[in-house]
Amino acid sequence: MHINVEHGPDFATLHLRGEFDSFYCPQLLQEVEALQKGGVTRLVLNLRLVKFINSTALGTIVKISKQLNSSGGKLVIARPSNFARDMITKVGINRLVPMFDTDEDAQAALAGAKKAAEPAPAADLQEGESSVLFNPTDPKRIDHFVAEVRRVKGIVNPVHGHAFGSNWVGRGRMASLDEKGLHFTWNGGDTGLDVFAMGQFLAIGTEVRVKFRLPLFQSGFCEAIALVSEVEERDGGVKIGATFSRIEDRTLAAVRQYSADLKFLKDELRNV
């Protein structure tokens, strides 16, 4: 990401370009601190050319806003890209930092002459919007539970025209995630399993390969090996708790940062 500083009569505009993620947050903080030391405490953050923004970056915007407010200054956002606007309004950062469609409106707001549009209600910061892909590492469990039930019920793979084999993958919905593991719900998909059989299929102690996303943090799927530690039968499905047993250090660090980011953002929004 590139940062260009444009100085106004009694404010400054920071033009950001590229991907605003965790790596570049210290750089932005340094720019802001340098401006503050020079007596500039009213800033416009122009996000027109920001292609991606993650949860750490959103938290940094909040920190900068609080830092400027504490010294009698102010931070506003101008001309956010569609992606940046979606993330900012989704989380509710615009409840803390006013957002404007033009540089002129943002600059006028610093002088107290312009009011931002009424922000939309923030969506709940839940991990539940992401999918969890999973399958037991032991293909015999798939053959015993999934393939057998499908054969008995006459259910076949709609793509290949035969019963599922060891390449079967289930799709659940994330309920929670931290450095220890994750929880997800599963309705059985098209396996033909009833709730009791789902619980048996993913019984406590079962080793599963999981793929999951970190919404608001990075694109793509993370991967890990986990052991099922909790099984809760529900109407129409099961809720599974799985503890990580093998996970790359890089992935674990991303999960820790993501969890910390969400906690910070939730706490800040709760105080609004």
C-alpha atoms as a PDB file:
ATOM      1  CA  MET A   1       0.000   0.000   0.000  1.00  0.00           C
ATOM      2  CA  HIS A   2       1.178   3.528  -0.787  1.00  0.00           C
ATOM      3  CA  ILE A   3       0.416   6.581   1.367  1.00  0.00           C
ATOM      4  CA  ASN A   4       0.570  10.112  -0.040  1.00  0.00           C
ATOM      5  CA  VAL A   5       0.089  13.109   2.252  1.00  0.00           C
ATOM      6  CA  GLU A   6      -1.558  16.239   0.877  1.00  0.00           C
ATOM      7  CA  HIS A   7      -1.411  19.268   3.167  1.00  0.00           C
ATOM      8  CA  GLY A   8      -4.316  21.714   3.447  1.00  0.00           C
ATOM      9  CA  PRO A   9      -4.463  25.047   5.288  1.00  0.00           C
ATOM     10  CA  ASP A  10      -5.229  23.499   8.677  1.00  0.00           C
ATOM     11  CA  PHE A  11      -5.653  19.789   7.916  1.00  0.00           C
ATOM     12  CA  ALA A  12      -4.047  17.000   5.890  1.00  0.00           C
ATOM     13  CA  THR A  13      -5.420  14.352   3.542  1.00  0.00           C
ATOM     14  CA  LEU A  14      -3.857  10.901   3.482  1.00  0.00           C
ATOM     15  CA  HIS A  15      -4.414   9.173   0.136  1.00  0.00           C
ATOM     16  CA  LEU A  16      -4.142   5.395   0.463  1.00  0.00           C
ATOM     17  CA  ARG A  17      -3.635   3.139  -2.552  1.00  0.00           C
ATOM     18  CA  GLY A  18      -3.489  -0.648  -2.729  1.00  0.00           C
ATOM     19  CA  GLU A  19      -4.275  -3.285  -0.094  1.00  0.00           C
ATOM     20  CA  PHE A  20      -4.746  -1.917   3.419  1.00  0.00           C
ATOM     21  CA  ASP A  21      -3.948  -4.905   5.617  1.00  0.00           C
ATOM     22  CA  SER A  22      -2.083  -5.733   8.831  1.00  0.00           C
ATOM     23  CA  PHE A  23       1.356  -5.252   7.287  1.00  0.00           C
ATOM     24  CA  TYR A  24       0.774  -1.567   6.502  1.00  0.00           C
ATOM     25  CA  CYS A  25      -0.978  -0.505   9.714  1.00  0.00           C
ATOM     26  CA  PRO A  26       2.284   0.526  11.480  1.00  0.00           C
ATOM     27  CA  GLN A  27       3.211   2.642   8.453  1.00  0.00           C
ATOM     28  CA  LEU A  28      -0.078   4.562   8.619  1.00  0.00           C
ATOM     29  CA  LEU A  29       0.253   5.047  12.371  1.00  0.00           C
ATOM     30  CA  GLN A  30       3.750   6.489  11.882  1.00  0.00           C
ATOM     31  CA  GLU A  31       2.439   8.943   9.270  1.00  0.00           C
ATOM     32  CA  VAL A  32      -0.312  10.100  11.618  1.00  0.00           C
ATOM     33  CA  GLU A  33       2.063  10.471  14.567  1.00  0.00           C
ATOM     34  CA  ALA A  34       4.436  12.547  12.426  1.00  0.00           C
ATOM     35  CA  LEU A  35       1.570  14.842  11.424  1.00  0.00           C
ATOM     36  CA  GLN A  36       0.483  15.213  15.040  1.00  0.00           C
ATOM     37  CA  LYS A  37       4.007  16.155  16.092  1.00  0.00           C
ATOM     38  CA  GLY A  38       3.844  18.839  13.420  1.00  0.00           C
ATOM     39  CA  GLY A  39       0.639  20.178  14.926  1.00  0.00           C
ATOM     40  CA  VAL A  40      -1.801  18.641  12.395  1.00  0.00           C
ATOM     41  CA  THR A  41      -4.639  16.893  14.229  1.00  0.00           C
ATOM     42  CA  ARG A  42      -7.451  17.076  11.668  1.00  0.00           C
ATOM     43  CA  LEU A  43      -7.158  14.424   8.987  1.00  0.00           C
ATOM     44  CA  VAL A  44      -9.025  13.120   5.959  1.00  0.00           C
ATOM     45  CA  LEU A  45      -8.465   9.468   5.087  1.00  0.00           C
ATOM     46  CA  ASN A  46      -9.065   9.067   1.347  1.00  0.00           C
ATOM     47  CA  LEU A  47      -9.791   5.406   0.513  1.00  0.00           C
ATOM     48  CA  ARG A  48     -10.728   5.784  -3.151  1.00  0.00           C
ATOM     49  CA  LEU A  49      -7.909   3.517  -4.360  1.00  0.00           C
ATOM     50  CA  VAL A  50      -8.026   0.933  -1.575  1.00  0.00           C
ATOM     51  CA  LYS A  51      -8.678  -2.480  -3.124  1.00  0.00           C
ATOM     52  CA  PHE A  52      -8.798  -4.470   0.108  1.00  0.00           C
ATOM     53  CA  ILE A  53      -9.122  -3.644   3.786  1.00  0.00           C
ATOM     54  CA  ASN A  54      -9.052  -6.127   6.664  1.00  0.00           C
ATOM     55  CA  SER A  55     -10.097  -6.201  10.302  1.00  0.00           C
ATOM     56  CA  THR A  56      -6.714  -5.035  11.611  1.00  0.00           C
ATOM     57  CA  ALA A  57      -6.853  -2.024   9.300  1.00  0.00           C
ATOM     58  CA  LEU A  58     -10.379  -1.208  10.505  1.00  0.00           C
ATOM     59  CA  GLY A  59      -9.129  -1.384  14.070  1.00  0.00           C
ATOM     60  CA  THR A  60      -6.266   0.955  13.161  1.00  0.00           C
ATOM     61  CA  ILE A  61      -8.734   3.512  11.788  1.00  0.00           C
ATOM     62  CA  VAL A  62     -10.597   3.381  15.105  1.00  0.00           C
ATOM     63  CA  LYS A  63      -7.347   3.809  17.063  1.00  0.00           C
ATOM     64  CA  ILE A  64      -6.322   6.809  14.956  1.00  0.00           C
ATOM     65  CA  SER A  65      -9.736   8.405  15.441  1.00  0.00           C
ATOM     66  CA  LYS A  66      -9.520   8.014  19.228  1.00  0.00           C
ATOM     67  CA  GLN A  67      -5.936   9.279  19.230  1.00  0.00           C
ATOM     68  CA  LEU A  68      -6.887  12.430  17.289  1.00  0.00           C
ATOM     69  CA  ASN A  69     -10.023  13.038  19.363  1.00  0.00           C
ATOM     70  CA  SER A  70      -7.990  12.911  22.561  1.00  0.00           C
ATOM     71  CA  SER A  71      -5.805  15.783  21.282  1.00  0.00           C
ATOM     72  CA  GLY A  72      -8.741  17.885  20.085  1.00  0.00           C
ATOM     73  CA  GLY A  73      -8.527  16.710  16.485  1.00  0.00           C
ATOM     74  CA  LYS A  74     -10.755  14.707  14.195  1.00  0.00           C
ATOM     75  CA  LEU A  75     -10.624  11.961  11.561  1.00  0.00           C
ATOM     76  CA  VAL A  76     -13.038  11.589   8.639  1.00  0.00           C
ATOM     77  CA  ILE A  77     -13.136   9.200   5.689  1.00  0.00           C
ATOM     78  CA  ALA A  78     -13.528  10.377   2.098  1.00  0.00           C
ATOM     79  CA  ARG A  79     -14.428   8.640  -1.166  1.00  0.00           C
ATOM     80  CA  PRO A  80     -14.133   5.013  -0.009  1.00  0.00           C
ATOM     81  CA  SER A  81     -13.904   2.368  -2.732  1.00  0.00           C
ATOM     82  CA  ASN A  82     -16.869   0.013  -2.992  1.00  0.00           C
ATOM     83  CA  PHE A  83     -14.959  -2.694  -1.121  1.00  0.00           C
ATOM     84  CA  ALA A  84     -13.829  -0.331   1.638  1.00  0.00           C
ATOM     85  CA  ARG A  85     -17.322   1.146   1.951  1.00  0.00           C
ATOM     86  CA  ASP A  86     -18.876  -2.320   2.266  1.00  0.00           C
ATOM     87  CA  MET A  87     -16.444  -3.384   5.001  1.00  0.00           C
ATOM     88  CA  ILE A  88     -16.691  -0.090   6.915  1.00  0.00           C
ATOM     89  CA  THR A  89     -20.496  -0.058   6.923  1.00  0.00           C
ATOM     90  CA  LYS A  90     -20.752  -3.804   7.526  1.00  0.00           C
ATOM     91  CA  VAL A  91     -18.744  -3.522  10.728  1.00  0.00           C
ATOM     92  CA  GLY A  92     -20.159  -0.124  11.682  1.00  0.00           C
ATOM     93  CA  ILE A  93     -16.950   1.919  11.710  1.00  0.00           C
ATOM     94  CA  ASN A  94     -18.908   4.787  10.130  1.00  0.00           C
ATOM     95  CA  ARG A  95     -20.696   5.104  13.474  1.00  0.00           C
ATOM     96  CA  LEU A  96     -17.341   6.152  14.919  1.00  0.00           C
ATOM     97  CA  VAL A  97     -15.639   7.843  11.970  1.00  0.00           C
ATOM     98  CA  PRO A  98     -17.821   9.985   9.650  1.00  0.00           C
ATOM     99  CA  MET A  99     -17.675   8.939   5.992  1.00  0.00           C
ATOM    100  CA  PHE A 100     -18.259  11.209   2.961  1.00  0.00           C
ATOM    101  CA  ASP A 101     -18.564  10.739  -0.779  1.00  0.00           C
ATOM    102  CA  THR A 102     -16.350  13.690  -1.713  1.00  0.00           C
ATOM    103  CA  ASP A 103     -13.152  15.290  -0.458  1.00  0.00           C
ATOM    104  CA  GLU A 104     -14.932  18.631  -0.254  1.00  0.00           C
ATOM    105  CA  ASP A 105     -17.636  17.298   2.065  1.00  0.00           C
ATOM    106  CA  ALA A 106     -15.017  15.583   4.221  1.00  0.00           C
ATOM    107  CA  GLN A 107     -12.985  18.780   4.506  1.00  0.00           C
ATOM    108  CA  ALA A 108     -16.114  20.781   5.326  1.00  0.00           C
ATOM    109  CA  ALA A 109     -16.899  18.270   8.089  1.00  0.00           C
ATOM    110  CA  LEU A 110     -13.535  18.981   9.695  1.00  0.00           C
ATOM    111  CA  ALA A 111     -14.597  22.613   9.906  1.00  0.00           C
ATOM    112  CA  GLY A 112     -17.963  21.590  11.364  1.00  0.00           C
ATOM    113  CA  ALA A 113     -19.913  22.703   8.303  1.00  0.00           C
ATOM    114  CA  LYS A 114     -20.929  19.301   6.957  1.00  0.00           C
ATOM    115  CA  LYS A 115     -22.646  16.358   8.553  1.00  0.00           C
ATOM    116  CA  ALA A 116     -22.196  12.822   7.358  1.00  0.00           C
ATOM    117  CA  ALA A 117     -25.144  10.845   6.131  1.00  0.00           C
ATOM    118  CA  GLU A 118     -26.877   8.865   8.865  1.00  0.00           C
ATOM    119  CA  PRO A 119     -24.894   5.615   9.155  1.00  0.00           C
ATOM    120  CA  ALA A 120     -26.671   2.353   8.566  1.00  0.00           C
ATOM    121  CA  PRO A 121     -26.976  -0.006  11.543  1.00  0.00           C
ATOM    122  CA  ALA A 122     -23.903  -2.173  11.932  1.00  0.00           C
ATOM    123  CA  ALA A 123     -24.150  -5.855  11.215  1.00  0.00           C
ATOM    124  CA  ASP A 124     -23.332  -8.156  14.095  1.00  0.00           C
ATOM    125  CA  LEU A 125     -19.663  -9.068  14.058  1.00  0.00           C
ATOM    126  CA  GLN A 126     -20.187 -12.784  13.796  1.00  0.00           C
ATOM    127  CA  GLU A 127     -17.903 -15.431  12.298  1.00  0.00           C
ATOM    128  CA  GLY A 128     -21.053 -17.306  11.308  1.00  0.00           C
ATOM    129  CA  GLU A 129     -21.132 -15.849   7.822  1.00  0.00           C
ATOM    130  CA  SER A 130     -18.317 -18.146   6.712  1.00  0.00           C
ATOM    131  CA  SER A 131     -18.410 -21.738   5.575  1.00  0.00           C
ATOM    132  CA  VAL A 132     -16.438 -24.585   7.090  1.00  0.00           C
ATOM    133  CA  LEU A 133     -15.421 -27.414   4.770  1.00  0.00           C
ATOM    134  CA  PHE A 134     -14.614 -30.653   6.565  1.00  0.00           C
ATOM    135  CA  ASN A 135     -14.075 -34.357   6.102  1.00  0.00           C
ATOM    136  CA  PRO A 136     -12.806 -37.129   8.378  1.00  0.00           C
ATOM    137  CA  THR A 137      -9.177 -38.023   7.749  1.00  0.00           C
ATOM    138  CA  ASP A 138     -10.151 -41.710   7.962  1.00  0.00           C
ATOM    139  CA  PRO A 139     -11.986 -42.547   4.698  1.00  0.00           C
ATOM    140  CA  LYS A 140     -13.488 -45.639   6.359  1.00  0.00           C
ATOM    141  CA  ARG A 141     -15.828 -43.370   8.354  1.00  0.00           C
ATOM    142  CA  ILE A 142     -17.111 -41.869   5.121  1.00  0.00           C
ATOM    143  CA  ASP A 143     -17.620 -45.310   3.582  1.00  0.00           C
ATOM    144  CA  HIS A 144     -19.342 -46.605   6.714  1.00  0.00           C
ATOM    145  CA  PHE A 145     -21.685 -43.686   7.383  1.00  0.00           C
ATOM    146  CA  VAL A 146     -22.141 -41.607   4.257  1.00  0.00           C
ATOM    147  CA  ALA A 147     -21.630 -44.000   1.364  1.00  0.00           C
ATOM    148  CA  GLU A 148     -23.574 -46.856   2.992  1.00  0.00           C
ATOM    149  CA  VAL A 149     -26.592 -44.689   3.881  1.00  0.00           C
ATOM    150  CA  ARG A 150     -26.659 -43.273   0.374  1.00  0.00           C
ATOM    151  CA  ARG A 151     -26.553 -46.755  -1.129  1.00  0.00           C
ATOM    152  CA  VAL A 152     -29.411 -47.947   1.092  1.00  0.00           C
ATOM    153  CA  LYS A 153     -31.524 -44.887   0.250  1.00  0.00           C
ATOM    154  CA  GLY A 154     -30.605 -45.021  -3.408  1.00  0.00           C
ATOM    155  CA  ILE A 155     -28.989 -41.577  -3.335  1.00  0.00           C
ATOM    156  CA  VAL A 156     -26.250 -41.019  -5.892  1.00  0.00           C
ATOM    157  CA  ASN A 157     -23.745 -38.294  -6.568  1.00  0.00           C
ATOM    158  CA  PRO A 158     -25.612 -35.869  -8.865  1.00  0.00           C
ATOM    159  CA  VAL A 159     -22.406 -35.023 -10.735  1.00  0.00           C
ATOM    160  CA  HIS A 160     -20.814 -38.412 -11.257  1.00  0.00           C
ATOM    161  CA  GLY A 161     -23.868 -40.625 -10.910  1.00  0.00           C
ATOM    162  CA  HIS A 162     -22.521 -42.921  -8.196  1.00  0.00           C
ATOM    163  CA  ALA A 163     -22.490 -43.103  -4.396  1.00  0.00           C
ATOM    164  CA  PHE A 164     -20.045 -40.815  -2.601  1.00  0.00           C
ATOM    165  CA  GLY A 165     -16.606 -42.218  -1.905  1.00  0.00           C
ATOM    166  CA  SER A 166     -13.631 -41.084   0.162  1.00  0.00           C
ATOM    167  CA  ASN A 167     -13.501 -37.718  -1.644  1.00  0.00           C
ATOM    168  CA  TRP A 168     -16.645 -36.545   0.177  1.00  0.00           C
ATOM    169  CA  VAL A 169     -16.499 -33.070   1.759  1.00  0.00           C
ATOM    170  CA  GLY A 170     -19.103 -31.605   4.120  1.00  0.00           C
ATOM    171  CA  ARG A 171     -20.042 -27.938   4.374  1.00  0.00           C
ATOM    172  CA  GLY A 172     -20.943 -26.426   7.739  1.00  0.00           C
ATOM    173  CA  ARG A 173     -21.439 -22.883   9.016  1.00  0.00           C
ATOM    174  CA  MET A 174     -18.983 -21.259  11.401  1.00  0.00           C
ATOM    175  CA  ALA A 175     -20.327 -20.450  14.867  1.00  0.00           C
ATOM    176  CA  SER A 176     -17.096 -19.365  16.610  1.00  0.00           C
ATOM    177  CA  LEU A 177     -13.353 -19.435  16.137  1.00  0.00           C
ATOM    178  CA  ASP A 178     -10.289 -18.869  18.306  1.00  0.00           C
ATOM    179  CA  GLU A 179      -6.717 -20.118  18.580  1.00  0.00           C
ATOM    180  CA  LYS A 180      -7.843 -23.345  20.273  1.00  0.00           C
ATOM    181  CA  GLY A 181     -10.335 -24.442  17.644  1.00  0.00           C
ATOM    182  CA  LEU A 182     -13.721 -23.775  16.117  1.00  0.00           C
ATOM    183  CA  HIS A 183     -17.425 -24.532  16.400  1.00  0.00           C
ATOM    184  CA  PHE A 184     -19.671 -25.058  13.403  1.00  0.00           C
ATOM    185  CA  THR A 185     -23.158 -26.270  12.644  1.00  0.00           C
ATOM    186  CA  TRP A 186     -24.020 -28.884  10.021  1.00  0.00           C
ATOM    187  CA  ASN A 187     -27.413 -29.933   8.666  1.00  0.00           C
ATOM    188  CA  GLY A 188     -26.191 -33.097   6.961  1.00  0.00           C
ATOM    189  CA  GLY A 189     -26.202 -31.678   3.452  1.00  0.00           C
ATOM    190  CA  ASP A 190     -27.302 -34.313   0.959  1.00  0.00           C
ATOM    191  CA  THR A 191     -25.808 -37.256   2.856  1.00  0.00           C
ATOM    192  CA  GLY A 192     -29.158 -38.717   3.873  1.00  0.00           C
ATOM    193  CA  LEU A 193     -28.023 -38.966   7.513  1.00  0.00           C
ATOM    194  CA  ASP A 194     -30.473 -38.251  10.329  1.00  0.00           C
ATOM    195  CA  VAL A 195     -29.401 -36.145  13.330  1.00  0.00           C
ATOM    196  CA  PHE A 196     -28.369 -39.167  15.419  1.00  0.00           C
ATOM    197  CA  ALA A 197     -26.246 -40.533  12.563  1.00  0.00           C
ATOM    198  CA  MET A 198     -24.638 -37.132  12.036  1.00  0.00           C
ATOM    199  CA  GLY A 199     -23.545 -37.207  15.666  1.00  0.00           C
ATOM    200  CA  GLN A 200     -22.162 -40.719  15.257  1.00  0.00           C
ATOM    201  CA  PHE A 201     -20.370 -39.787  12.054  1.00  0.00           C
ATOM    202  CA  LEU A 202     -18.651 -36.857  13.793  1.00  0.00           C
ATOM    203  CA  ALA A 203     -18.321 -38.500  17.196  1.00  0.00           C
ATOM    204  CA  ILE A 204     -16.014 -37.083  19.865  1.00  0.00           C
ATOM    205  CA  GLY A 205     -12.427 -38.024  19.056  1.00  0.00           C
ATOM    206  CA  THR A 206     -12.937 -38.102  15.297  1.00  0.00           C
ATOM    207  CA  GLU A 207     -10.060 -36.457  13.426  1.00  0.00           C
ATOM    208  CA  VAL A 208     -11.227 -34.078  10.707  1.00  0.00           C
ATOM    209  CA  ARG A 209      -9.561 -31.956   8.098  1.00  0.00           C
ATOM    210  CA  VAL A 210     -11.090 -28.461   8.156  1.00  0.00           C
ATOM    211  CA  LYS A 211     -10.950 -25.489   5.812  1.00  0.00           C
ATOM    212  CA  PHE A 212     -12.343 -22.157   6.963  1.00  0.00           C
ATOM    213  CA  ARG A 213     -12.235 -18.482   6.109  1.00  0.00           C
ATOM    214  CA  LEU A 214     -11.274 -15.483   8.221  1.00  0.00           C
ATOM    215  CA  PRO A 215     -13.907 -12.924   7.186  1.00  0.00           C
ATOM    216  CA  LEU A 216     -12.685  -9.311   7.236  1.00  0.00           C
ATOM    217  CA  PHE A 217      -9.089 -10.515   7.552  1.00  0.00           C
ATOM    218  CA  GLN A 218      -7.812 -12.330   4.461  1.00  0.00           C
ATOM    219  CA  SER A 219      -9.078 -13.984   1.314  1.00  0.00           C
ATOM    220  CA  GLY A 220      -9.026 -17.712   0.666  1.00  0.00           C
ATOM    221  CA  PHE A 221      -9.316 -20.689   3.002  1.00  0.00           C
ATOM    222  CA  CYS A 222      -7.163 -21.630   5.983  1.00  0.00           C
ATOM    223  CA  GLU A 223      -6.528 -25.318   6.663  1.00  0.00           C
ATOM    224  CA  ALA A 224      -5.947 -27.379   9.796  1.00  0.00           C
ATOM    225  CA  ILE A 225      -6.410 -30.809  11.350  1.00  0.00           C
ATOM    226  CA  ALA A 226      -8.722 -30.926  14.352  1.00  0.00           C
ATOM    227  CA  LEU A 227     -10.228 -33.423  16.788  1.00  0.00           C
ATOM    228  CA  VAL A 228     -13.954 -33.339  17.475  1.00  0.00           C
ATOM    229  CA  SER A 229     -14.346 -32.395  21.143  1.00  0.00           C
ATOM    230  CA  GLU A 230     -18.064 -31.523  21.359  1.00  0.00           C
ATOM    231  CA  VAL A 231     -21.194 -32.827  19.657  1.00  0.00           C
ATOM    232  CA  GLU A 232     -24.587 -31.249  20.255  1.00  0.00           C
ATOM    233  CA  GLU A 233     -27.657 -32.638  18.509  1.00  0.00           C
ATOM    234  CA  ARG A 234     -30.159 -30.012  17.360  1.00  0.00           C
ATOM    235  CA  ASP A 235     -33.350 -29.932  15.364  1.00  0.00           C
ATOM    236  CA  GLY A 236     -32.259 -30.505  11.795  1.00  0.00           C
ATOM    237  CA  GLY A 237     -28.567 -30.852  12.469  1.00  0.00           C
ATOM    238  CA  VAL A 238     -25.636 -30.881  14.880  1.00  0.00           C
ATOM    239  CA  LYS A 239     -23.251 -28.347  16.389  1.00  0.00           C
ATOM    240  CA  ILE A 240     -19.653 -29.532  16.394  1.00  0.00           C
ATOM    241  CA  GLY A 241     -16.734 -28.302  18.481  1.00  0.00           C
ATOM    242  CA  ALA A 242     -13.290 -29.209  17.138  1.00  0.00           C
ATOM    243  CA  THR A 243      -9.899 -28.547  18.747  1.00  0.00           C
ATOM    244  CA  PHE A 244      -6.898 -27.878  16.518  1.00  0.00           C
ATOM    245  CA  SER A 245      -4.308 -30.653  16.659  1.00  0.00           C
ATOM    246  CA  ARG A 246      -2.202 -29.642  13.657  1.00  0.00           C
ATOM    247  CA  ILE A 247      -2.151 -26.110  12.326  1.00  0.00           C
ATOM    248  CA  GLU A 248       0.624 -24.126  10.656  1.00  0.00           C
ATOM    249  CA  ASP A 249       2.217 -21.386  12.740  1.00  0.00           C
ATOM    250  CA  ARG A 250       1.310 -18.803  10.108  1.00  0.00           C
ATOM    251  CA  THR A 251      -2.343 -19.864  10.129  1.00  0.00           C
ATOM    252  CA  LEU A 252      -2.462 -19.894  13.934  1.00  0.00           C
ATOM    253  CA  ALA A 253      -0.995 -16.380  14.038  1.00  0.00           C
ATOM    254  CA  ALA A 254      -3.673 -15.201  11.593  1.00  0.00           C
ATOM    255  CA  VAL A 255      -6.425 -16.773  13.719  1.00  0.00           C
ATOM    256  CA  ARG A 256      -5.062 -15.077  16.855  1.00  0.00           C
ATOM    257  CA  GLN A 257      -4.887 -11.687  15.137  1.00  0.00           C
ATOM    258  CA  TYR A 258      -8.366 -12.096  13.663  1.00  0.00           C
ATOM    259  CA  SER A 259      -9.848 -12.982  17.066  1.00  0.00           C
ATOM    260  CA  ALA A 260      -8.116 -10.007  18.709  1.00  0.00           C
ATOM    261  CA  ASP A 261      -9.330  -7.670  15.951  1.00  0.00           C
ATOM    262  CA  LEU A 262     -12.945  -8.777  16.347  1.00  0.00           C
ATOM    263  CA  LYS A 263     -12.821  -8.392  20.120  1.00  0.00           C
ATOM    264  CA  PHE A 264     -11.408  -4.863  19.814  1.00  0.00           C
ATOM    265  CA  LEU A 265     -13.993  -3.809  17.221  1.00  0.00           C
ATOM    266  CA  LYS A 266     -16.871  -5.311  19.194  1.00  0.00           C
ATOM    267  CA  ASP A 267     -15.744  -3.523  22.366  1.00  0.00           C
ATOM    268  CA  GLU A 268     -15.422  -0.173  20.576  1.00  0.00           C
ATOM    269  CA  LEU A 269     -18.796  -0.450  18.854  1.00  0.00           C
ATOM    270  CA  ARG A 270     -20.432  -1.499  22.109  1.00  0.00           C
ATOM    271  CA  ASN A 271     -19.357   1.823  23.602  1.00  0.00           C
ATOM    272  CA  VAL A 272     -20.918   3.917  20.824  1.00  0.00           C
END
